[in-house]
Amino acid sequence: MAPLPKKKYPKARQGKRRSHLAKTPTAFIECSRCHGTKLPHQVCPACGTYDGREVLEIKSPKKKGK
């Protein structure tokens, strides 16, 4: 059998230990070319630019036809 604590661990001490575990919201920035939202230091998924230059060629979605 494993050892058990002899005293109850205070909630205040438990909160101090877990104080750095809070979730932070994801940071988004505005694309300088298309003004859409994107993650920092990533290629813009809407226009394909990074740091003011075009890195990816974004193809328009194909239309469904018969």
N, C-alpha and C. Protein backbone atom coordinates (compact mmCIF):
# COMPACT_ATOMS: atom_id res chain seq x y z
N MET A 1 0.84 -1.18 0.00
CA MET A 1 0.00 0.00 0.00
C MET A 1 0.89 1.25 0.00
N ALA A 2 0.54 2.23 -0.81
CA ALA A 2 1.34 3.44 -0.93
C ALA A 2 1.12 4.35 0.28
N PRO A 3 2.10 5.19 0.61
CA PRO A 3 1.92 6.12 1.74
C PRO A 3 0.89 7.19 1.39
N LEU A 4 0.14 7.62 2.39
CA LEU A 4 -0.90 8.62 2.23
C LEU A 4 -0.52 9.87 3.02
N PRO A 5 -0.96 11.06 2.58
CA PRO A 5 -0.65 12.27 3.34
C PRO A 5 -1.38 12.28 4.67
N LYS A 6 -0.69 12.80 5.71
CA LYS A 6 -1.29 12.83 7.04
C LYS A 6 -2.20 14.04 7.23
N LYS A 7 -1.96 15.12 6.48
CA LYS A 7 -2.76 16.34 6.61
C LYS A 7 -3.37 16.70 5.26
N LYS A 8 -4.47 17.44 5.30
CA LYS A 8 -5.12 17.92 4.08
C LYS A 8 -4.28 19.03 3.46
N TYR A 9 -4.13 18.97 2.15
CA TYR A 9 -3.34 19.96 1.42
C TYR A 9 -4.22 21.19 1.22
N PRO A 10 -3.83 22.38 1.69
CA PRO A 10 -4.69 23.57 1.58
C PRO A 10 -4.95 23.97 0.13
N LYS A 11 -6.16 24.45 -0.12
CA LYS A 11 -6.53 24.87 -1.48
C LYS A 11 -5.71 26.08 -1.91
N ALA A 12 -5.33 26.95 -0.99
CA ALA A 12 -4.52 28.12 -1.34
C ALA A 12 -3.15 27.70 -1.84
N ARG A 13 -2.55 26.74 -1.20
CA ARG A 13 -1.24 26.26 -1.63
C ARG A 13 -1.36 25.53 -2.98
N GLN A 14 -2.44 24.80 -3.14
CA GLN A 14 -2.68 24.10 -4.40
C GLN A 14 -2.86 25.12 -5.54
N GLY A 15 -3.56 26.22 -5.26
CA GLY A 15 -3.76 27.26 -6.26
C GLY A 15 -2.46 27.96 -6.62
N LYS A 16 -1.59 28.18 -5.65
CA LYS A 16 -0.29 28.80 -5.92
C LYS A 16 0.56 27.90 -6.82
N ARG A 17 0.46 26.62 -6.61
CA ARG A 17 1.23 25.68 -7.42
C ARG A 17 0.72 25.66 -8.85
N ARG A 18 -0.59 25.81 -9.03
CA ARG A 18 -1.20 25.72 -10.35
C ARG A 18 -1.38 27.08 -11.01
N SER A 19 -0.81 28.13 -10.47
CA SER A 19 -1.05 29.48 -10.98
C SER A 19 -0.55 29.68 -12.40
N HIS A 20 0.44 28.95 -12.85
CA HIS A 20 1.00 29.12 -14.18
C HIS A 20 0.34 28.20 -15.21
N LEU A 21 -0.66 27.44 -14.82
CA LEU A 21 -1.28 26.48 -15.72
C LEU A 21 -2.50 27.05 -16.45
N ALA A 22 -2.79 28.33 -16.29
CA ALA A 22 -3.96 28.93 -16.93
C ALA A 22 -3.78 28.96 -18.44
N LYS A 23 -4.86 28.78 -19.17
CA LYS A 23 -4.81 28.84 -20.63
C LYS A 23 -4.77 30.29 -21.08
N THR A 24 -4.01 30.54 -22.12
CA THR A 24 -3.94 31.89 -22.69
C THR A 24 -4.60 31.86 -24.07
N PRO A 25 -5.25 32.93 -24.48
CA PRO A 25 -5.88 32.94 -25.80
C PRO A 25 -4.82 32.96 -26.91
N THR A 26 -5.19 32.36 -28.04
CA THR A 26 -4.29 32.31 -29.18
C THR A 26 -4.11 33.71 -29.76
N ALA A 27 -2.87 34.07 -30.03
CA ALA A 27 -2.57 35.41 -30.56
C ALA A 27 -2.76 35.39 -32.07
N PHE A 28 -3.55 36.33 -32.59
CA PHE A 28 -3.72 36.50 -34.01
C PHE A 28 -3.26 37.91 -34.38
N ILE A 29 -2.73 38.03 -35.60
CA ILE A 29 -2.34 39.34 -36.10
C ILE A 29 -3.03 39.56 -37.44
N GLU A 30 -3.02 40.80 -37.90
CA GLU A 30 -3.65 41.15 -39.17
C GLU A 30 -2.63 41.04 -40.29
N CYS A 31 -3.02 40.42 -41.38
CA CYS A 31 -2.16 40.32 -42.57
C CYS A 31 -2.02 41.71 -43.18
N SER A 32 -0.81 42.07 -43.55
CA SER A 32 -0.57 43.41 -44.09
C SER A 32 -1.11 43.57 -45.51
N ARG A 33 -1.34 42.47 -46.22
CA ARG A 33 -1.80 42.57 -47.60
C ARG A 33 -3.32 42.45 -47.71
N CYS A 34 -3.89 41.38 -47.14
CA CYS A 34 -5.33 41.15 -47.30
C CYS A 34 -6.13 41.54 -46.06
N HIS A 35 -5.45 41.92 -44.99
CA HIS A 35 -6.05 42.34 -43.72
C HIS A 35 -6.89 41.25 -43.07
N GLY A 36 -6.60 39.99 -43.38
CA GLY A 36 -7.25 38.87 -42.71
C GLY A 36 -6.45 38.50 -41.47
N THR A 37 -7.01 37.65 -40.64
CA THR A 37 -6.30 37.22 -39.43
C THR A 37 -5.44 36.01 -39.74
N LYS A 38 -4.26 35.99 -39.12
CA LYS A 38 -3.33 34.88 -39.28
C LYS A 38 -2.51 34.73 -38.02
N LEU A 39 -1.86 33.59 -37.88
CA LEU A 39 -0.97 33.36 -36.75
C LEU A 39 0.34 34.10 -36.99
N PRO A 40 0.97 34.61 -35.93
CA PRO A 40 2.24 35.31 -36.14
C PRO A 40 3.33 34.36 -36.64
N HIS A 41 4.21 34.86 -37.48
CA HIS A 41 5.34 34.11 -38.05
C HIS A 41 4.88 32.94 -38.91
N GLN A 42 3.71 33.06 -39.53
CA GLN A 42 3.18 32.02 -40.41
C GLN A 42 2.75 32.66 -41.72
N VAL A 43 2.69 31.85 -42.77
CA VAL A 43 2.20 32.32 -44.06
C VAL A 43 0.69 32.55 -43.95
N CYS A 44 0.21 33.61 -44.55
CA CYS A 44 -1.22 33.93 -44.51
C CYS A 44 -1.98 32.87 -45.32
N PRO A 45 -2.98 32.22 -44.73
CA PRO A 45 -3.71 31.18 -45.47
C PRO A 45 -4.63 31.75 -46.54
N ALA A 46 -4.96 33.04 -46.47
CA ALA A 46 -5.88 33.62 -47.44
C ALA A 46 -5.15 34.08 -48.70
N CYS A 47 -4.01 34.77 -48.55
CA CYS A 47 -3.34 35.32 -49.73
C CYS A 47 -1.96 34.69 -49.98
N GLY A 48 -1.40 33.94 -49.05
CA GLY A 48 -0.14 33.24 -49.28
C GLY A 48 1.09 34.10 -49.15
N THR A 49 1.02 35.22 -48.44
CA THR A 49 2.18 36.09 -48.28
C THR A 49 2.80 35.92 -46.90
N TYR A 50 4.09 36.22 -46.84
CA TYR A 50 4.82 36.23 -45.58
C TYR A 50 5.85 37.35 -45.65
N ASP A 51 5.85 38.22 -44.70
CA ASP A 51 6.80 39.33 -44.59
C ASP A 51 6.77 40.22 -45.84
N GLY A 52 5.57 40.43 -46.38
CA GLY A 52 5.41 41.34 -47.51
C GLY A 52 5.69 40.76 -48.88
N ARG A 53 6.06 39.47 -48.96
CA ARG A 53 6.30 38.88 -50.27
C ARG A 53 5.45 37.62 -50.42
N GLU A 54 5.12 37.29 -51.68
CA GLU A 54 4.27 36.13 -51.93
C GLU A 54 5.12 34.87 -51.87
N VAL A 55 4.72 33.96 -51.01
CA VAL A 55 5.47 32.72 -50.80
C VAL A 55 4.73 31.54 -51.41
N LEU A 56 3.41 31.51 -51.26
CA LEU A 56 2.59 30.43 -51.80
C LEU A 56 1.62 30.98 -52.82
N GLU A 57 1.35 30.18 -53.83
CA GLU A 57 0.32 30.55 -54.78
C GLU A 57 -0.97 29.88 -54.35
N ILE A 58 -1.95 30.67 -53.96
CA ILE A 58 -3.21 30.15 -53.49
C ILE A 58 -4.14 29.96 -54.68
N LYS A 59 -4.63 28.73 -54.85
CA LYS A 59 -5.54 28.43 -55.93
C LYS A 59 -6.97 28.61 -55.44
N SER A 60 -7.81 29.14 -56.29
CA SER A 60 -9.21 29.31 -55.92
C SER A 60 -9.88 27.93 -55.92
N PRO A 61 -10.88 27.73 -55.05
CA PRO A 61 -11.54 26.42 -55.02
C PRO A 61 -12.27 26.14 -56.31
N LYS A 62 -12.24 24.86 -56.74
CA LYS A 62 -12.90 24.48 -57.98
C LYS A 62 -14.41 24.48 -57.79
N LYS A 63 -15.11 24.94 -58.82
CA LYS A 63 -16.56 24.92 -58.76
C LYS A 63 -17.07 23.55 -59.15
N LYS A 64 -18.10 23.09 -58.46
CA LYS A 64 -18.67 21.78 -58.77
C LYS A 64 -19.56 21.92 -60.01
N GLY A 65 -19.28 21.11 -60.98
CA GLY A 65 -20.06 21.13 -62.23
C GLY A 65 -20.37 19.73 -62.69
N LYS A 66 -21.25 19.64 -63.66
CA LYS A 66 -21.62 18.31 -64.18
C LYS A 66 -20.74 17.90 -65.30
